[in-house]
C-alpha atoms as a PDB file:
ATOM      1  CA  MET A   1      44.944 -28.462 -21.955  1.00  0.00           C
ATOM      2  CA  GLU A   2      41.463 -29.531 -23.032  1.00  0.00           C
ATOM      3  CA  SER A   3      39.593 -26.242 -23.748  1.00  0.00           C
ATOM      4  CA  GLN A   4      36.089 -27.988 -23.111  1.00  0.00           C
ATOM      5  CA  LEU A   5      37.442 -29.273 -19.836  1.00  0.00           C
ATOM      6  CA  VAL A   6      38.949 -25.904 -18.853  1.00  0.00           C
ATOM      7  CA  GLY A   7      35.750 -24.147 -19.739  1.00  0.00           C
ATOM      8  CA  THR A   8      33.614 -26.472 -17.686  1.00  0.00           C
ATOM      9  CA  VAL A   9      35.975 -26.136 -14.631  1.00  0.00           C
ATOM     10  CA  LEU A  10      36.011 -22.390 -14.819  1.00  0.00           C
ATOM     11  CA  ALA A  11      32.194 -22.294 -15.230  1.00  0.00           C
ATOM     12  CA  GLY A  12      31.774 -24.204 -11.942  1.00  0.00           C
ATOM     13  CA  VAL A  13      33.529 -21.636  -9.732  1.00  0.00           C
ATOM     14  CA  PRO A  14      31.624 -18.626  -8.578  1.00  0.00           C
ATOM     15  CA  LEU A  15      34.536 -16.261  -8.392  1.00  0.00           C
ATOM     16  CA  PRO A  16      35.674 -14.352 -11.559  1.00  0.00           C
ATOM     17  CA  LEU A  17      38.390 -16.601 -13.118  1.00  0.00           C
ATOM     18  CA  VAL A  18      40.644 -15.565 -16.006  1.00  0.00           C
ATOM     19  CA  LEU A  19      43.164 -18.120 -17.580  1.00  0.00           C
ATOM     20  CA  ILE A  20      46.225 -16.539 -19.434  1.00  0.00           C
ATOM     21  CA  ASP A  21      48.256 -18.739 -21.691  1.00  0.00           C
ATOM     22  CA  ARG A  22      52.034 -18.790 -22.434  1.00  0.00           C
ATOM     23  CA  ALA A  23      51.531 -16.234 -25.167  1.00  0.00           C
ATOM     24  CA  GLU A  24      50.254 -13.840 -22.628  1.00  0.00           C
ATOM     25  CA  ARG A  25      46.770 -13.816 -24.066  1.00  0.00           C
ATOM     26  CA  ILE A  26      43.537 -14.655 -22.300  1.00  0.00           C
ATOM     27  CA  ALA A  27      42.657 -18.250 -23.110  1.00  0.00           C
ATOM     28  CA  ALA A  28      39.326 -18.499 -21.059  1.00  0.00           C
ATOM     29  CA  ALA A  29      37.248 -16.664 -18.683  1.00  0.00           C
ATOM     30  CA  ASN A  30      34.100 -17.657 -16.777  1.00  0.00           C
ATOM     31  CA  ALA A  31      30.826 -15.861 -16.617  1.00  0.00           C
ATOM     32  CA  PRO A  32      31.730 -13.655 -13.664  1.00  0.00           C
ATOM     33  CA  ALA A  33      34.946 -12.642 -15.126  1.00  0.00           C
ATOM     34  CA  LEU A  34      33.191 -11.777 -18.423  1.00  0.00           C
ATOM     35  CA  ALA A  35      30.745  -9.601 -16.450  1.00  0.00           C
ATOM     36  CA  LEU A  36      33.637  -7.927 -14.726  1.00  0.00           C
ATOM     37  CA  PHE A  37      35.863  -7.130 -17.698  1.00  0.00           C
ATOM     38  CA  GLY A  38      33.511  -7.338 -20.768  1.00  0.00           C
ATOM     39  CA  PRO A  39      32.551 -10.215 -23.033  1.00  0.00           C
ATOM     40  CA  GLY A  40      35.405  -9.506 -25.671  1.00  0.00           C
ATOM     41  CA  ILE A  41      38.447 -10.233 -23.469  1.00  0.00           C
ATOM     42  CA  VAL A  42      38.987 -13.837 -24.603  1.00  0.00           C
ATOM     43  CA  GLY A  43      41.777 -13.884 -27.124  1.00  0.00           C
ATOM     44  CA  ARG A  44      43.104 -10.576 -26.190  1.00  0.00           C
ATOM     45  CA  HIS A  45      46.495  -9.712 -24.595  1.00  0.00           C
ATOM     46  CA  TYR A  46      45.979  -9.486 -20.666  1.00  0.00           C
ATOM     47  CA  ILE A  47      47.492  -6.047 -20.638  1.00  0.00           C
ATOM     48  CA  ILE A  48      44.513  -4.682 -22.668  1.00  0.00           C
ATOM     49  CA  ALA A  49      41.932  -6.179 -20.376  1.00  0.00           C
ATOM     50  CA  MET A  50      43.544  -5.529 -17.024  1.00  0.00           C
ATOM     51  CA  ARG A  51      45.314  -2.142 -17.046  1.00  0.00           C
ATOM     52  CA  GLN A  52      46.249  -1.671 -13.378  1.00  0.00           C
ATOM     53  CA  PRO A  53      49.978  -1.772 -12.908  1.00  0.00           C
ATOM     54  CA  GLY A  54      50.106  -3.748  -9.670  1.00  0.00           C
ATOM     55  CA  LEU A  55      48.025  -6.521 -11.156  1.00  0.00           C
ATOM     56  CA  LEU A  56      50.016  -6.576 -14.302  1.00  0.00           C
ATOM     57  CA  ASP A  57      53.368  -6.795 -12.589  1.00  0.00           C
ATOM     58  CA  ALA A  58      52.070  -9.727 -10.443  1.00  0.00           C
ATOM     59  CA  ILE A  59      50.857 -11.658 -13.622  1.00  0.00           C
ATOM     60  CA  GLU A  60      54.194 -11.082 -15.256  1.00  0.00           C
ATOM     61  CA  GLY A  61      55.938 -12.253 -12.359  1.00  0.00           C
ATOM     62  CA  THR A  62      53.912 -15.572 -12.304  1.00  0.00           C
ATOM     63  CA  LEU A  63      54.354 -16.007 -15.973  1.00  0.00           C
ATOM     64  CA  ARG A  64      58.040 -15.583 -15.895  1.00  0.00           C
ATOM     65  CA  HIS A  65      59.058 -17.197 -12.633  1.00  0.00           C
ATOM     66  CA  ARG A  66      56.240 -19.830 -12.249  1.00  0.00           C
ATOM     67  CA  GLN A  67      55.561 -18.466  -8.657  1.00  0.00           C
ATOM     68  CA  PRO A  68      52.192 -17.654  -7.207  1.00  0.00           C
ATOM     69  CA  GLY A  69      51.355 -14.000  -6.733  1.00  0.00           C
ATOM     70  CA  GLN A  70      48.883 -11.667  -5.250  1.00  0.00           C
ATOM     71  CA  ALA A  71      47.573  -8.224  -6.076  1.00  0.00           C
ATOM     72  CA  ARG A  72      44.680  -5.827  -5.659  1.00  0.00           C
ATOM     73  CA  HIS A  73      42.296  -4.773  -8.328  1.00  0.00           C
ATOM     74  CA  VAL A  74      40.072  -1.706  -7.560  1.00  0.00           C
ATOM     75  CA  ILE A  75      37.049  -0.783  -9.834  1.00  0.00           C
ATOM     76  CA  THR A  76      35.473   2.697  -9.223  1.00  0.00           C
ATOM     77  CA  GLY A  77      31.823   2.603  -9.818  1.00  0.00           C
ATOM     78  CA  PRO A  78      29.198   5.342  -9.802  1.00  0.00           C
ATOM     79  CA  SER A  79      28.489   4.957  -6.122  1.00  0.00           C
ATOM     80  CA  ARG A  80      31.401   3.125  -4.469  1.00  0.00           C
ATOM     81  CA  GLU A  81      34.799   1.509  -5.091  1.00  0.00           C
ATOM     82  CA  VAL A  82      34.784  -2.345  -5.361  1.00  0.00           C
ATOM     83  CA  THR A  83      38.147  -3.918  -4.279  1.00  0.00           C
ATOM     84  CA  TYR A  84      39.273  -7.404  -5.370  1.00  0.00           C
ATOM     85  CA  ARG A  85      42.062  -9.453  -3.837  1.00  0.00           C
ATOM     86  CA  VAL A  86      43.619 -11.237  -6.926  1.00  0.00           C
ATOM     87  CA  THR A  87      45.463 -14.610  -6.490  1.00  0.00           C
ATOM     88  CA  ILE A  88      47.628 -15.468  -9.558  1.00  0.00           C
ATOM     89  CA  SER A  89      48.649 -19.178  -9.705  1.00  0.00           C
ATOM     90  CA  PRO A  90      50.912 -20.849 -12.259  1.00  0.00           C
ATOM     91  CA  VAL A  91      49.166 -23.628 -14.265  1.00  0.00           C
ATOM     92  CA  ALA A  92      50.522 -26.047 -16.528  1.00  0.00           C
ATOM     93  CA  GLY A  93      48.975 -28.320 -19.318  1.00  0.00           C
ATOM     94  CA  GLU A  94      49.912 -30.555 -22.150  1.00  0.00           C
ATOM     95  CA  GLY A  95      52.726 -28.398 -24.007  1.00  0.00           C
ATOM     96  CA  GLN A  96      51.706 -25.108 -22.537  1.00  0.00           C
ATOM     97  CA  ALA A  97      51.851 -23.075 -19.323  1.00  0.00           C
ATOM     98  CA  GLY A  98      50.064 -20.042 -18.075  1.00  0.00           C
ATOM     99  CA  ALA A  99      48.640 -18.299 -15.153  1.00  0.00           C
ATOM    100  CA  LEU A 100      45.142 -18.527 -13.499  1.00  0.00           C
ATOM    101  CA  CYS A 101      43.779 -15.338 -11.963  1.00  0.00           C
ATOM    102  CA  ALA A 102      41.008 -15.566  -9.269  1.00  0.00           C
ATOM    103  CA  PHE A 103      39.275 -12.385  -8.157  1.00  0.00           C
ATOM    104  CA  GLU A 104      37.863 -12.356  -4.747  1.00  0.00           C
ATOM    105  CA  ASP A 105      35.579  -9.413  -3.683  1.00  0.00           C
ATOM    106  CA  ILE A 106      36.999  -8.001  -0.416  1.00  0.00           C
ATOM    107  CA  THR A 107      35.075  -4.670  -0.505  1.00  0.00           C
ATOM    108  CA  GLU A 108      33.130  -5.473   2.660  1.00  0.00           C
ATOM    109  CA  GLN A 109      36.279  -6.416   4.499  1.00  0.00           C
ATOM    110  CA  GLU A 110      37.981  -3.244   3.426  1.00  0.00           C
ATOM    111  CA  GLN A 111      34.983  -1.207   4.360  1.00  0.00           C
ATOM    112  CA  MET A 112      34.873  -2.987   7.973  1.00  0.00           C
ATOM    113  CA  GLY A 113      38.542  -2.287   8.391  1.00  0.00           C
ATOM    114  CA  GLN A 114      38.016   1.399   7.552  1.00  0.00           C
ATOM    115  CA  ILE A 115      35.132   1.674  10.015  1.00  0.00           C
ATOM    116  CA  ARG A 116      37.327   0.160  12.846  1.00  0.00           C
ATOM    117  CA  ARG A 117      40.132   2.485  11.981  1.00  0.00           C
ATOM    118  CA  ASP A 118      37.802   5.536  11.904  1.00  0.00           C
ATOM    119  CA  PHE A 119      36.078   4.432  15.168  1.00  0.00           C
ATOM    120  CA  VAL A 120      39.427   4.107  16.986  1.00  0.00           C
ATOM    121  CA  ALA A 121      40.459   7.542  15.679  1.00  0.00           C
ATOM    122  CA  ASN A 122      37.241   9.192  16.555  1.00  0.00           C
ATOM    123  CA  VAL A 123      37.247   7.677  20.210  1.00  0.00           C
ATOM    124  CA  SER A 124      40.857   8.772  20.653  1.00  0.00           C
ATOM    125  CA  HIS A 125      40.089  12.249  19.439  1.00  0.00           C
ATOM    126  CA  GLU A 126      37.033  12.529  21.760  1.00  0.00           C
ATOM    127  CA  LEU A 127      38.913  11.231  24.746  1.00  0.00           C
ATOM    128  CA  ARG A 128      42.152  13.297  24.062  1.00  0.00           C
ATOM    129  CA  THR A 129      40.544  16.612  24.690  1.00  0.00           C
ATOM    130  CA  PRO A 130      39.191  16.148  28.196  1.00  0.00           C
ATOM    131  CA  LEU A 131      42.135  14.165  29.210  1.00  0.00           C
ATOM    132  CA  THR A 132      44.589  16.927  28.092  1.00  0.00           C
ATOM    133  CA  ALA A 133      42.360  19.380  30.018  1.00  0.00           C
ATOM    134  CA  LEU A 134      42.351  17.184  33.203  1.00  0.00           C
ATOM    135  CA  LEU A 135      46.053  16.651  33.095  1.00  0.00           C
ATOM    136  CA  GLY A 136      46.762  20.381  32.589  1.00  0.00           C
ATOM    137  CA  PHE A 137      44.677  21.380  35.502  1.00  0.00           C
ATOM    138  CA  ILE A 138      46.027  18.566  37.758  1.00  0.00           C
ATOM    139  CA  GLU A 139      49.630  19.927  36.953  1.00  0.00           C
ATOM    140  CA  THR A 140      48.406  23.472  37.726  1.00  0.00           C
ATOM    141  CA  LEU A 141      46.804  22.437  40.935  1.00  0.00           C
ATOM    142  CA  GLN A 142      50.081  20.655  41.976  1.00  0.00           C
ATOM    143  CA  GLY A 143      52.070  23.775  41.325  1.00  0.00           C
ATOM    144  CA  ALA A 144      51.151  27.381  40.928  1.00  0.00           C
ATOM    145  CA  ALA A 145      47.473  27.123  42.207  1.00  0.00           C
ATOM    146  CA  ARG A 146      48.273  24.887  45.110  1.00  0.00           C
ATOM    147  CA  ASP A 147      47.600  27.711  47.695  1.00  0.00           C
ATOM    148  CA  ASP A 148      44.898  29.729  45.639  1.00  0.00           C
ATOM    149  CA  PRO A 149      41.534  28.511  46.789  1.00  0.00           C
ATOM    150  CA  ALA A 150      39.658  30.527  44.166  1.00  0.00           C
ATOM    151  CA  ALA A 151      41.722  29.097  41.289  1.00  0.00           C
ATOM    152  CA  ARG A 152      41.420  25.627  42.861  1.00  0.00           C
ATOM    153  CA  GLY A 153      37.625  25.905  43.113  1.00  0.00           C
ATOM    154  CA  ARG A 154      37.372  27.079  39.552  1.00  0.00           C
ATOM    155  CA  PHE A 155      39.712  24.271  38.138  1.00  0.00           C
ATOM    156  CA  LEU A 156      37.960  21.562  40.099  1.00  0.00           C
ATOM    157  CA  GLY A 157      34.666  22.502  38.547  1.00  0.00           C
ATOM    158  CA  ILE A 158      36.145  22.424  34.948  1.00  0.00           C
ATOM    159  CA  MET A 159      37.802  19.005  35.724  1.00  0.00           C
ATOM    160  CA  ALA A 160      34.388  17.631  36.984  1.00  0.00           C
ATOM    161  CA  ARG A 161      32.776  18.736  33.662  1.00  0.00           C
ATOM    162  CA  GLU A 162      35.571  17.187  31.620  1.00  0.00           C
ATOM    163  CA  ALA A 163      35.420  13.914  33.548  1.00  0.00           C
ATOM    164  CA  GLU A 164      31.595  13.839  33.235  1.00  0.00           C
ATOM    165  CA  ARG A 165      32.085  14.263  29.415  1.00  0.00           C
ATOM    166  CA  MET A 166      34.392  11.303  29.297  1.00  0.00           C
ATOM    167  CA  ASN A 167      31.847   9.289  31.382  1.00  0.00           C
ATOM    168  CA  ARG A 168      29.066  10.149  29.010  1.00  0.00           C
ATOM    169  CA  LEU A 169      31.136   9.016  26.157  1.00  0.00           C
ATOM    170  CA  VAL A 170      31.949   5.723  27.760  1.00  0.00           C
ATOM    171  CA  ARG A 171      28.375   5.210  28.692  1.00  0.00           C
ATOM    172  CA  ASP A 172      27.213   5.834  25.061  1.00  0.00           C
ATOM    173  CA  LEU A 173      29.868   3.557  23.626  1.00  0.00           C
ATOM    174  CA  LEU A 174      28.764   0.732  25.896  1.00  0.00           C
ATOM    175  CA  SER A 175      25.154   1.486  25.023  1.00  0.00           C
ATOM    176  CA  LEU A 176      25.905   1.473  21.380  1.00  0.00           C
ATOM    177  CA  SER A 177      27.790  -1.923  21.762  1.00  0.00           C
ATOM    178  CA  ARG A 178      24.937  -3.521  23.528  1.00  0.00           C
ATOM    179  CA  VAL A 179      22.390  -2.271  21.156  1.00  0.00           C
ATOM    180  CA  GLU A 180      24.262  -3.543  18.188  1.00  0.00           C
ATOM    181  CA  SER A 181      24.697  -6.979  19.914  1.00  0.00           C
ATOM    182  CA  GLU A 182      20.845  -7.225  20.405  1.00  0.00           C
ATOM    183  CA  GLU A 183      19.828  -5.734  16.973  1.00  0.00           C
ATOM    184  CA  ARG A 184      18.795  -9.133  15.511  1.00  0.00           C
ATOM    185  CA  VAL A 185      16.891 -10.121  18.757  1.00  0.00           C
ATOM    186  CA  ARG A 186      13.147  -8.955  18.406  1.00  0.00           C
ATOM    187  CA  PRO A 187      11.554  -7.550  21.528  1.00  0.00           C
ATOM    188  CA  THR A 188       8.491  -9.548  22.762  1.00  0.00           C
ATOM    189  CA  GLU A 189       7.322  -7.441  25.759  1.00  0.00           C
ATOM    190  CA  ARG A 190       4.212  -5.467  25.101  1.00  0.00           C
ATOM    191  CA  ILE A 191       4.128  -1.863  26.266  1.00  0.00           C
ATOM    192  CA  ASP A 192       1.843   1.258  26.025  1.00  0.00           C
ATOM    193  CA  ILE A 193       3.918   3.579  23.871  1.00  0.00           C
ATOM    194  CA  VAL A 194       1.827   6.649  24.723  1.00  0.00           C
ATOM    195  CA  ALA A 195       2.479   6.212  28.504  1.00  0.00           C
ATOM    196  CA  LEU A 196       6.237   5.473  27.843  1.00  0.00           C
ATOM    197  CA  ILE A 197       6.454   8.806  25.875  1.00  0.00           C
ATOM    198  CA  GLY A 198       4.503  10.637  28.654  1.00  0.00           C
ATOM    199  CA  MET A 199       7.134   9.428  31.139  1.00  0.00           C
ATOM    200  CA  ALA A 200       9.971  10.565  29.025  1.00  0.00           C
ATOM    201  CA  VAL A 201       8.356  13.933  28.695  1.00  0.00           C
ATOM    202  CA  THR A 202       7.821  14.239  32.409  1.00  0.00           C
ATOM    203  CA  ALA A 203      11.465  13.368  33.082  1.00  0.00           C
ATOM    204  CA  LEU A 204      12.591  16.081  30.762  1.00  0.00           C
ATOM    205  CA  ARG A 205      10.400  18.888  31.858  1.00  0.00           C
ATOM    206  CA  PRO A 206      13.013  20.403  34.242  1.00  0.00           C
ATOM    207  CA  VAL A 207      15.536  20.565  31.346  1.00  0.00           C
ATOM    208  CA  ALA A 208      12.899  22.122  29.226  1.00  0.00           C
ATOM    209  CA  ASP A 209      11.863  24.659  31.910  1.00  0.00           C
ATOM    210  CA  ALA A 210      15.608  25.706  32.446  1.00  0.00           C
ATOM    211  CA  ALA A 211      15.797  26.175  28.653  1.00  0.00           C
ATOM    212  CA  GLY A 212      12.608  28.152  28.384  1.00  0.00           C
ATOM    213  CA  VAL A 213      11.154  25.482  26.164  1.00  0.00           C
ATOM    214  CA  VAL A 214       7.542  24.054  26.271  1.00  0.00           C
ATOM    215  CA  ILE A 215       7.052  20.410  25.446  1.00  0.00           C
ATOM    216  CA  GLU A 216       3.611  19.595  24.114  1.00  0.00           C
ATOM    217  CA  VAL A 217       2.215  16.108  23.367  1.00  0.00           C
ATOM    218  CA  GLU A 218      -0.500  15.644  20.784  1.00  0.00           C
ATOM    219  CA  GLY A 219      -2.335  12.837  19.073  1.00  0.00           C
ATOM    220  CA  GLU A 220      -3.394   9.566  20.260  1.00  0.00           C
ATOM    221  CA  GLU A 221      -4.175   9.428  23.872  1.00  0.00           C
ATOM    222  CA  GLY A 222      -3.696   5.711  24.461  1.00  0.00           C
ATOM    223  CA  PRO A 223      -3.408   3.058  25.556  1.00  0.00           C
ATOM    224  CA  LEU A 224      -1.558   2.017  22.357  1.00  0.00           C
ATOM    225  CA  VAL A 225       0.259  -1.328  22.925  1.00  0.00           C
ATOM    226  CA  ILE A 226       3.191  -2.445  20.695  1.00  0.00           C
ATOM    227  CA  PRO A 227       5.858  -5.045  21.161  1.00  0.00           C
ATOM    228  CA  ALA A 228       8.943  -3.242  22.438  1.00  0.00           C
ATOM    229  CA  ASP A 229      11.798  -3.117  24.746  1.00  0.00           C
ATOM    230  CA  PRO A 230      10.678  -0.326  27.172  1.00  0.00           C
ATOM    231  CA  ASP A 231      14.317   0.663  28.306  1.00  0.00           C
ATOM    232  CA  GLN A 232      15.515   1.059  24.803  1.00  0.00           C
ATOM    233  CA  LEU A 233      12.512   3.022  23.530  1.00  0.00           C
ATOM    234  CA  THR A 234      12.795   5.287  26.700  1.00  0.00           C
ATOM    235  CA  GLN A 235      16.412   5.874  25.561  1.00  0.00           C
ATOM    236  CA  VAL A 236      15.180   6.757  22.035  1.00  0.00           C
ATOM    237  CA  PHE A 237      12.663   9.235  23.094  1.00  0.00           C
ATOM    238  CA  HIS A 238      14.612  10.696  25.748  1.00  0.00           C
ATOM    239  CA  ASN A 239      17.475  11.334  23.254  1.00  0.00           C
ATOM    240  CA  LEU A 240      15.142  12.811  20.613  1.00  0.00           C
ATOM    241  CA  ILE A 241      13.172  15.047  22.932  1.00  0.00           C
ATOM    242  CA  GLU A 242      16.260  16.261  24.793  1.00  0.00           C
ATOM    243  CA  ASN A 243      17.888  17.212  21.537  1.00  0.00           C
ATOM    244  CA  ALA A 244      14.914  19.026  20.475  1.00  0.00           C
ATOM    245  CA  VAL A 245      15.052  21.059  23.730  1.00  0.00           C
ATOM    246  CA  LYS A 246      18.800  21.591  23.426  1.00  0.00           C
ATOM    247  CA  TYR A 247      18.868  22.580  19.864  1.00  0.00           C
ATOM    248  CA  GLY A 248      15.589  24.219  19.389  1.00  0.00           C
ATOM    249  CA  ALA A 249      15.161  28.003  19.865  1.00  0.00           C
ATOM    250  CA  PRO A 250      14.848  29.096  23.556  1.00  0.00           C
ATOM    251  CA  GLY A 251      11.216  30.114  24.332  1.00  0.00           C
ATOM    252  CA  LYS A 252       9.813  28.049  21.435  1.00  0.00           C
ATOM    253  CA  LEU A 253       7.695  24.908  21.471  1.00  0.00           C
ATOM    254  CA  VAL A 254       8.672  21.272  21.091  1.00  0.00           C
ATOM    255  CA  THR A 255       5.955  19.040  19.828  1.00  0.00           C
ATOM    256  CA  VAL A 256       5.769  15.328  20.230  1.00  0.00           C
ATOM    257  CA  SER A 257       3.047  13.931  17.886  1.00  0.00           C
ATOM    258  CA  ILE A 258       1.590  10.401  18.135  1.00  0.00           C
ATOM    259  CA  THR A 259      -0.226   9.034  15.158  1.00  0.00           C
ATOM    260  CA  ARG A 260      -1.558   5.621  14.411  1.00  0.00           C
ATOM    261  CA  GLN A 261      -1.388   4.513  10.878  1.00  0.00           C
ATOM    262  CA  LEU A 262      -3.731   1.526   9.944  1.00  0.00           C
ATOM    263  CA  ARG A 263      -1.841   0.774   6.771  1.00  0.00           C
ATOM    264  CA  ASP A 264       1.726   1.761   6.646  1.00  0.00           C
ATOM    265  CA  GLN A 265       2.868   2.229   3.082  1.00  0.00           C
ATOM    266  CA  ALA A 266       6.278   0.418   3.690  1.00  0.00           C
ATOM    267  CA  ARG A 267       5.078  -2.502   5.979  1.00  0.00           C
ATOM    268  CA  LEU A 268       1.544  -2.854   4.761  1.00  0.00           C
ATOM    269  CA  GLY A 269       0.271  -3.135   8.384  1.00  0.00           C
ATOM    270  CA  PRO A 270      -0.780  -0.984  11.335  1.00  0.00           C
ATOM    271  CA  SER A 271       1.975   1.045  12.900  1.00  0.00           C
ATOM    272  CA  VAL A 272       2.551   4.092  15.213  1.00  0.00           C
ATOM    273  CA  ALA A 273       4.526   7.213  14.095  1.00  0.00           C
ATOM    274  CA  ILE A 274       6.090   9.335  16.754  1.00  0.00           C
ATOM    275  CA  ALA A 275       7.337  12.613  15.515  1.00  0.00           C
ATOM    276  CA  VAL A 276       9.512  15.001  17.634  1.00  0.00           C
ATOM    277  CA  THR A 277       9.539  18.514  16.081  1.00  0.00           C
ATOM    278  CA  ASP A 278      11.566  21.582  17.324  1.00  0.00           C
ATOM    279  CA  ARG A 279      11.490  25.156  16.166  1.00  0.00           C
ATOM    280  CA  GLY A 280      15.193  25.714  15.958  1.00  0.00           C
ATOM    281  CA  GLU A 281      17.638  26.724  13.175  1.00  0.00           C
ATOM    282  CA  GLY A 282      17.109  23.573  11.102  1.00  0.00           C
ATOM    283  CA  ILE A 283      19.722  21.523   9.481  1.00  0.00           C
ATOM    284  CA  ASP A 284      21.173  21.882   6.035  1.00  0.00           C
ATOM    285  CA  PRO A 285      20.094  18.963   3.795  1.00  0.00           C
ATOM    286  CA  ILE A 286      23.677  18.006   3.027  1.00  0.00           C
ATOM    287  CA  HIS A 287      24.092  16.862   6.570  1.00  0.00           C
ATOM    288  CA  LEU A 288      20.885  14.705   6.729  1.00  0.00           C
ATOM    289  CA  PRO A 289      22.037  11.442   5.250  1.00  0.00           C
ATOM    290  CA  ARG A 290      25.063  11.347   7.812  1.00  0.00           C
ATOM    291  CA  LEU A 291      23.344  12.305  10.994  1.00  0.00           C
ATOM    292  CA  THR A 292      23.058   8.747  12.190  1.00  0.00           C
ATOM    293  CA  GLU A 293      26.828   8.006  11.649  1.00  0.00           C
ATOM    294  CA  ARG A 294      28.938   7.576  14.825  1.00  0.00           C
ATOM    295  CA  PHE A 295      30.483  10.882  15.866  1.00  0.00           C
ATOM    296  CA  TYR A 296      28.981  12.757  13.116  1.00  0.00           C
ATOM    297  CA  ARG A 297      28.160  16.409  14.082  1.00  0.00           C
ATOM    298  CA  VAL A 298      26.760  19.298  12.206  1.00  0.00           C
ATOM    299  CA  ASP A 299      28.297  21.736  14.615  1.00  0.00           C
ATOM    300  CA  SER A 300      31.162  20.004  16.623  1.00  0.00           C
ATOM    301  CA  HIS A 301      31.798  22.844  19.012  1.00  0.00           C
ATOM    302  CA  ARG A 302      28.233  23.537  19.872  1.00  0.00           C
ATOM    303  CA  SER A 303      27.354  19.850  20.324  1.00  0.00           C
ATOM    304  CA  ARG A 304      30.377  19.302  22.778  1.00  0.00           C
ATOM    305  CA  GLU A 305      29.208  22.574  24.690  1.00  0.00           C
ATOM    306  CA  LYS A 306      25.779  20.990  25.212  1.00  0.00           C
ATOM    307  CA  GLY A 307      27.141  17.701  26.245  1.00  0.00           C
ATOM    308  CA  GLY A 308      26.687  15.715  23.030  1.00  0.00           C
ATOM    309  CA  THR A 309      28.881  12.712  22.290  1.00  0.00           C
ATOM    310  CA  GLY A 310      27.934  12.266  18.626  1.00  0.00           C
ATOM    311  CA  LEU A 311      26.569   8.799  19.269  1.00  0.00           C
ATOM    312  CA  GLY A 312      22.918   9.488  20.191  1.00  0.00           C
ATOM    313  CA  LEU A 313      21.411   9.196  16.751  1.00  0.00           C
ATOM    314  CA  ALA A 314      23.431   6.180  15.936  1.00  0.00           C
ATOM    315  CA  ILE A 315      21.989   4.486  19.000  1.00  0.00           C
ATOM    316  CA  VAL A 316      18.427   5.653  17.956  1.00  0.00           C
ATOM    317  CA  LYS A 317      18.868   4.082  14.626  1.00  0.00           C
ATOM    318  CA  HIS A 318      20.029   0.777  15.871  1.00  0.00           C
ATOM    319  CA  ILE A 319      17.265   0.558  18.469  1.00  0.00           C
ATOM    320  CA  VAL A 320      14.569   1.515  15.885  1.00  0.00           C
ATOM    321  CA  ASN A 321      16.054  -1.389  13.555  1.00  0.00           C
ATOM    322  CA  ARG A 322      15.757  -3.852  16.299  1.00  0.00           C
ATOM    323  CA  HIS A 323      12.165  -3.011  16.635  1.00  0.00           C
ATOM    324  CA  ARG A 324      11.578  -3.389  12.760  1.00  0.00           C
ATOM    325  CA  GLY A 325      10.844   0.319  12.595  1.00  0.00           C
ATOM    326  CA  ARG A 326      11.942   3.161  10.348  1.00  0.00           C
ATOM    327  CA  PHE A 327      13.725   6.341  11.450  1.00  0.00           C
ATOM    328  CA  ARG A 328      13.250   9.589   9.352  1.00  0.00           C
ATOM    329  CA  ILE A 329      14.856  13.127   9.660  1.00  0.00           C
ATOM    330  CA  ASP A 330      13.195  16.089   7.897  1.00  0.00           C
ATOM    331  CA  SER A 331      14.433  19.580   8.291  1.00  0.00           C
ATOM    332  CA  ASP A 332      13.800  23.255   6.956  1.00  0.00           C
ATOM    333  CA  LEU A 333      16.636  25.766   7.462  1.00  0.00           C
ATOM    334  CA  GLY A 334      15.292  28.491   9.712  1.00  0.00           C
ATOM    335  CA  ARG A 335      12.095  26.721  10.586  1.00  0.00           C
ATOM    336  CA  GLY A 336      13.170  23.579  12.543  1.00  0.00           C
ATOM    337  CA  SER A 337      13.550  19.787  12.348  1.00  0.00           C
ATOM    338  CA  THR A 338      11.283  16.798  12.790  1.00  0.00           C
ATOM    339  CA  PHE A 339      12.616  13.338  13.749  1.00  0.00           C
ATOM    340  CA  THR A 340      10.098  10.589  13.195  1.00  0.00           C
ATOM    341  CA  VAL A 341      10.161   7.063  14.441  1.00  0.00           C
ATOM    342  CA  VAL A 342       7.674   4.619  12.940  1.00  0.00           C
ATOM    343  CA  LEU A 343       7.118   1.424  14.888  1.00  0.00           C
ATOM    344  CA  PRO A 344       4.975  -1.645  13.785  1.00  0.00           C
ATOM    345  CA  GLU A 345       2.062  -2.609  16.070  1.00  0.00           C
ATOM    346  CA  GLY A 346       2.519  -6.294  15.549  1.00  0.00           C
END
């Protein structure tokens, strides 16, 4: 095998490639492979460079039996694991034989597979509880409580609540799916964001009155026109304000602050910042990075009691992304939380 030709061929492939000769030493490696395993691997025995048993067994099998093989190679980095699918192919040249190892980065595929599995598990878990309750009460109504009007009325009320819980979950799942499908389509309609927030606050005043909470809007009086999808932004601020009312302290104030920023530091252009602040218990900083994950809850029991599905902030994040905006969460334990949406004016 001409070493110059081998080196040229390996250098032209963007995947990490390692060529192992019949003596079980690394005969050649391209630049991506040297970056992966280090610059001193050429000439060494392959066992020294690649220490993972599954990969070593696959290489040995190819060298011994001249059959293609496949293995996984996982590298644990400081922030995440990187997973490679390694394809080992027998190669032959003038008077020598060996194996060529090609490393394909499948980390993203693995992560997407894990996300799908987690999503199915979470949806199944969320639906199982109300379904179990409904089936149990139906069985009771068909049997012991058939002729008990008081029990029948009580059970039907619980069944209605559980059915509504499932309905909310399905509705939020459909909403999340729709928002994700439209995330790369920029909105073109121009709306008055101050008027939109005013309508959201008006719609939620009965909920706030029932909880003994006062909603106060401060800042810009409008009109303040930005490109936006009015239905989606209504969903964003309805969700944030309703959460502030539900999880804030009874009898306290929820503030919606609207501020125009002539030069946003991140986008170098005029923008509008809408901050929703409650005076509740606050959120432990350990939870803040994960609050926009699907089904993530700080207090699962309390969230379900208040009708939460665990999808609201995930929907908010995707809608804000579609509007080229930013979403920030700040919280102090014992003092409350602030959810800020920053939207560009142009």
